[in-house]
Amino acid sequence: MFGRRSKRGGKARFRQWLWPVGGIRRSGQYMIHRLARTKASPYSLAAGFACGAAVSFTPLVGLHFVAAGLLALCMRASVIASAVGTIVGNPWTFPFIWLVTYEAGRWLGFGGGVEGERIDFVSRFQRACDALWNLDLGGVAHAAGPILEPMMVGGSLIGVAVWLAFFLLLFPVIGAYKRTREVRLQSGRARRSAALSAGAKG
């Protein structure tokens, strides 16, 4: 009933994922509102979204949904909200995330094997994927190892800060949204009840 009359093709779906109609900010606000309207507690939703956002700062590309869900389960948070939170990692933010996490790991003393090298993350990940496809574990380690180590360390530490930032931001917002919505619903129920009582007396 609520489906699209004309199905979108693969290119249209990719464009929607890359740049949602109405803009990324509007799509993000829509998803937050949809989450806030669920029965989950403000803690569960805020912590779940924060898990997804935090995991997006790790180099576990392709495993973010799984890692975010497992982290959410450990924290008794919403798995669905954690999946939504992974939108923080997207084609527009990944270059920045990879660079910052890599530099943070290097600053902490990890990944010294690529000293002075200008890192081409896309090329290295492509070589790692090709090696993995050919079951060449040595090739995977050679291509990805020098950058995965500093990115994992830097991303994990930054992820803690990202989790706290999103949780502290969303927890009061979602709580206030739920309280306001509950007041509106109660007011609506009271008006309908009063209208029914008036009709019955009439």
Protein backbone atom coordinates (compact mmCIF):
# COMPACT_ATOMS: atom_id res chain seq x y z
CA MET A 1 0.00 0.00 0.00
CA PHE A 2 2.79 2.40 0.91
CA GLY A 3 5.30 1.22 -1.68
CA ARG A 4 6.53 3.23 -4.63
CA ARG A 5 4.42 3.05 -7.78
CA SER A 6 7.54 2.85 -9.92
CA LYS A 7 10.51 0.89 -8.68
CA ARG A 8 13.83 2.73 -8.62
CA GLY A 9 16.70 1.25 -10.57
CA GLY A 10 20.12 0.45 -9.18
CA LYS A 11 21.59 3.82 -10.19
CA ALA A 12 18.73 5.71 -8.55
CA ARG A 13 19.12 3.74 -5.32
CA PHE A 14 22.87 4.40 -5.33
CA ARG A 15 22.30 8.15 -5.85
CA GLN A 16 19.77 8.15 -3.01
CA TRP A 17 22.29 6.44 -0.71
CA LEU A 18 25.10 8.78 -1.80
CA TRP A 19 23.01 11.95 -1.50
CA PRO A 20 19.47 11.48 -0.14
CA VAL A 21 16.64 13.50 -1.64
CA GLY A 22 16.19 16.57 0.55
CA GLY A 23 19.79 16.45 1.78
CA ILE A 24 21.70 14.40 4.31
CA ARG A 25 20.73 16.68 7.21
CA ARG A 26 17.00 16.33 6.53
CA SER A 27 17.29 12.56 6.11
CA GLY A 28 19.21 12.34 9.38
CA GLN A 29 16.53 14.36 11.20
CA TYR A 30 13.81 12.13 9.73
CA MET A 31 15.56 8.98 10.96
CA ILE A 32 16.07 10.46 14.42
CA HIS A 33 12.35 11.29 14.62
CA ARG A 34 11.44 7.78 13.48
CA LEU A 35 13.70 6.28 16.15
CA ALA A 36 12.37 8.58 18.87
CA ARG A 37 8.82 7.40 18.12
CA THR A 38 9.66 3.78 18.91
CA LYS A 39 8.95 2.24 22.32
CA ALA A 40 12.63 1.92 23.21
CA SER A 41 13.92 4.06 26.08
CA PRO A 42 15.90 7.26 25.46
CA TYR A 43 19.00 5.52 26.84
CA SER A 44 18.57 2.55 24.50
CA LEU A 45 18.13 4.74 21.42
CA ALA A 46 20.86 7.25 22.24
CA ALA A 47 23.37 4.57 23.24
CA GLY A 48 22.50 2.47 20.18
CA PHE A 49 22.99 5.35 17.75
CA ALA A 50 26.23 6.28 19.52
CA CYS A 51 27.47 2.69 19.07
CA GLY A 52 26.92 2.90 15.33
CA ALA A 53 28.62 6.29 15.12
CA ALA A 54 31.60 5.10 17.18
CA VAL A 55 32.10 1.92 15.15
CA SER A 56 32.13 4.03 11.97
CA PHE A 57 35.51 5.34 13.12
CA THR A 58 37.10 1.88 12.96
CA PRO A 59 38.53 0.49 9.70
CA LEU A 60 36.09 -2.45 9.80
CA VAL A 61 34.49 -1.41 6.52
CA GLY A 62 31.83 -3.94 5.59
CA LEU A 63 31.45 -5.07 9.19
CA HIS A 64 30.18 -1.84 10.75
CA PHE A 65 26.57 -3.08 11.03
CA VAL A 66 27.65 -6.30 12.75
CA ALA A 67 30.16 -4.62 15.07
CA ALA A 68 27.71 -1.86 15.98
CA GLY A 69 24.98 -4.42 16.71
CA LEU A 70 27.25 -6.50 18.94
CA LEU A 71 28.40 -3.42 20.82
CA ALA A 72 24.79 -2.31 21.27
CA LEU A 73 23.84 -5.73 22.65
CA CYS A 74 26.69 -5.54 25.15
CA MET A 75 25.43 -2.13 26.30
CA ARG A 76 21.75 -3.18 26.34
CA ALA A 77 21.06 -0.60 23.66
CA SER A 78 18.90 -0.64 20.54
CA VAL A 79 20.41 -2.70 17.72
CA ILE A 80 18.21 -0.89 15.19
CA ALA A 81 19.46 2.48 16.43
CA SER A 82 23.05 1.21 16.15
CA ALA A 83 22.44 0.33 12.49
CA VAL A 84 21.10 3.83 11.87
CA GLY A 85 24.10 5.31 13.67
CA THR A 86 26.48 3.84 11.12
CA ILE A 87 25.31 6.53 8.67
CA VAL A 88 27.97 8.68 10.33
CA GLY A 89 30.39 6.65 8.21
CA ASN A 90 29.52 7.36 4.58
CA PRO A 91 31.30 8.21 1.30
CA TRP A 92 31.48 11.86 2.33
CA THR A 93 32.98 11.28 5.78
CA PHE A 94 35.15 8.20 5.26
CA PRO A 95 38.14 10.08 3.73
CA PHE A 96 38.22 12.39 6.75
CA ILE A 97 37.67 9.54 9.22
CA TRP A 98 40.42 7.38 7.69
CA LEU A 99 42.94 10.22 7.67
CA VAL A 100 42.20 11.35 11.23
CA THR A 101 42.23 7.84 12.70
CA TYR A 102 45.40 6.94 10.82
CA GLU A 103 47.20 10.08 11.98
CA ALA A 104 45.99 9.52 15.55
CA GLY A 105 47.37 5.98 15.50
CA ARG A 106 50.66 7.16 14.04
CA TRP A 107 50.89 9.88 16.69
CA LEU A 108 50.51 7.16 19.33
CA GLY A 109 53.45 5.28 17.81
CA PHE A 110 51.72 2.66 15.65
CA GLY A 111 52.25 1.93 11.96
CA GLY A 112 55.86 2.96 11.69
CA GLY A 113 56.35 0.74 8.63
CA VAL A 114 55.05 3.38 6.21
CA GLU A 115 57.18 6.30 7.38
CA GLY A 116 57.25 9.08 4.81
CA GLU A 117 54.79 7.32 2.48
CA ARG A 118 51.81 9.21 1.11
CA ILE A 119 48.94 6.89 1.98
CA ASP A 120 46.46 6.00 -0.75
CA PHE A 121 43.76 4.35 1.36
CA VAL A 122 41.53 3.37 -1.55
CA SER A 123 44.40 1.70 -3.41
CA ARG A 124 45.56 -0.19 -0.33
CA PHE A 125 42.06 -1.42 0.51
CA GLN A 126 41.57 -2.48 -3.11
CA ARG A 127 44.82 -4.44 -3.06
CA ALA A 128 43.84 -6.01 0.26
CA CYS A 129 40.43 -7.04 -1.11
CA ASP A 130 42.02 -8.50 -4.25
CA ALA A 131 44.47 -10.49 -2.13
CA LEU A 132 41.65 -11.70 0.13
CA TRP A 133 39.66 -12.79 -2.93
CA ASN A 134 42.66 -14.86 -4.01
CA LEU A 135 43.07 -16.23 -0.46
CA ASP A 136 46.47 -14.56 -0.26
CA LEU A 137 46.66 -13.76 3.44
CA GLY A 138 50.22 -12.58 3.11
CA GLY A 139 49.13 -10.09 0.46
CA VAL A 140 46.31 -8.88 2.72
CA ALA A 141 48.74 -8.30 5.58
CA HIS A 142 51.23 -6.55 3.28
CA ALA A 143 48.64 -4.23 1.76
CA ALA A 144 46.45 -3.44 4.76
CA GLY A 145 48.53 -4.24 7.82
CA PRO A 146 50.61 -1.05 7.97
CA ILE A 147 47.53 1.18 7.89
CA LEU A 148 45.00 -1.01 9.71
CA GLU A 149 47.06 -1.08 12.90
CA PRO A 150 47.24 2.72 13.42
CA MET A 151 43.67 3.17 12.13
CA MET A 152 42.31 0.55 14.53
CA VAL A 153 44.10 2.04 17.52
CA GLY A 154 43.31 5.64 16.59
CA GLY A 155 39.75 4.79 15.56
CA SER A 156 39.03 2.93 18.79
CA LEU A 157 40.19 5.83 20.94
CA ILE A 158 38.39 8.45 18.86
CA GLY A 159 35.35 6.15 18.81
CA VAL A 160 35.09 6.42 22.61
CA ALA A 161 34.94 10.22 22.33
CA VAL A 162 32.44 9.98 19.46
CA TRP A 163 30.23 7.63 21.51
CA LEU A 164 30.18 10.04 24.44
CA ALA A 165 29.51 13.04 22.19
CA PHE A 166 26.54 11.44 20.42
CA PHE A 167 25.10 9.94 23.59
CA LEU A 168 25.29 13.20 25.53
CA LEU A 169 23.74 15.03 22.58
CA LEU A 170 20.93 12.60 21.80
CA PHE A 171 19.90 11.35 25.24
CA PRO A 172 18.27 14.61 26.42
CA VAL A 173 16.90 15.39 22.94
CA ILE A 174 15.18 12.01 22.58
CA GLY A 175 13.95 12.14 26.18
CA ALA A 176 12.39 15.58 25.61
CA TYR A 177 10.88 14.45 22.31
CA LYS A 178 9.28 11.40 23.92
CA ARG A 179 7.89 13.43 26.83
CA THR A 180 6.43 16.06 24.49
CA ARG A 181 4.93 13.39 22.26
CA GLU A 182 3.39 11.59 25.22
CA VAL A 183 1.79 14.83 26.43
CA ARG A 184 0.34 15.40 22.95
CA LEU A 185 -1.00 11.84 22.79
CA GLN A 186 -2.57 12.09 26.25
CA SER A 187 -4.13 15.43 25.34
CA GLY A 188 -5.53 13.94 22.15
CA ARG A 189 -6.96 10.96 24.01
CA ALA A 190 -8.53 13.26 26.58
CA ARG A 191 -10.18 15.37 23.85
CA ARG A 192 -11.53 12.28 22.07
CA SER A 193 -12.85 10.90 25.36
CA ALA A 194 -14.53 14.19 26.16
CA ALA A 195 -16.05 14.33 22.69
CA LEU A 196 -17.41 10.79 23.01
CA SER A 197 -18.88 11.54 26.45
CA ALA A 198 -20.55 14.68 25.12
CA GLY A 199 -21.97 12.75 22.20
CA ALA A 200 -23.30 10.02 24.46
CA LYS A 201 -25.04 12.56 26.69
CA GLY A 202 -26.50 14.27 23.65
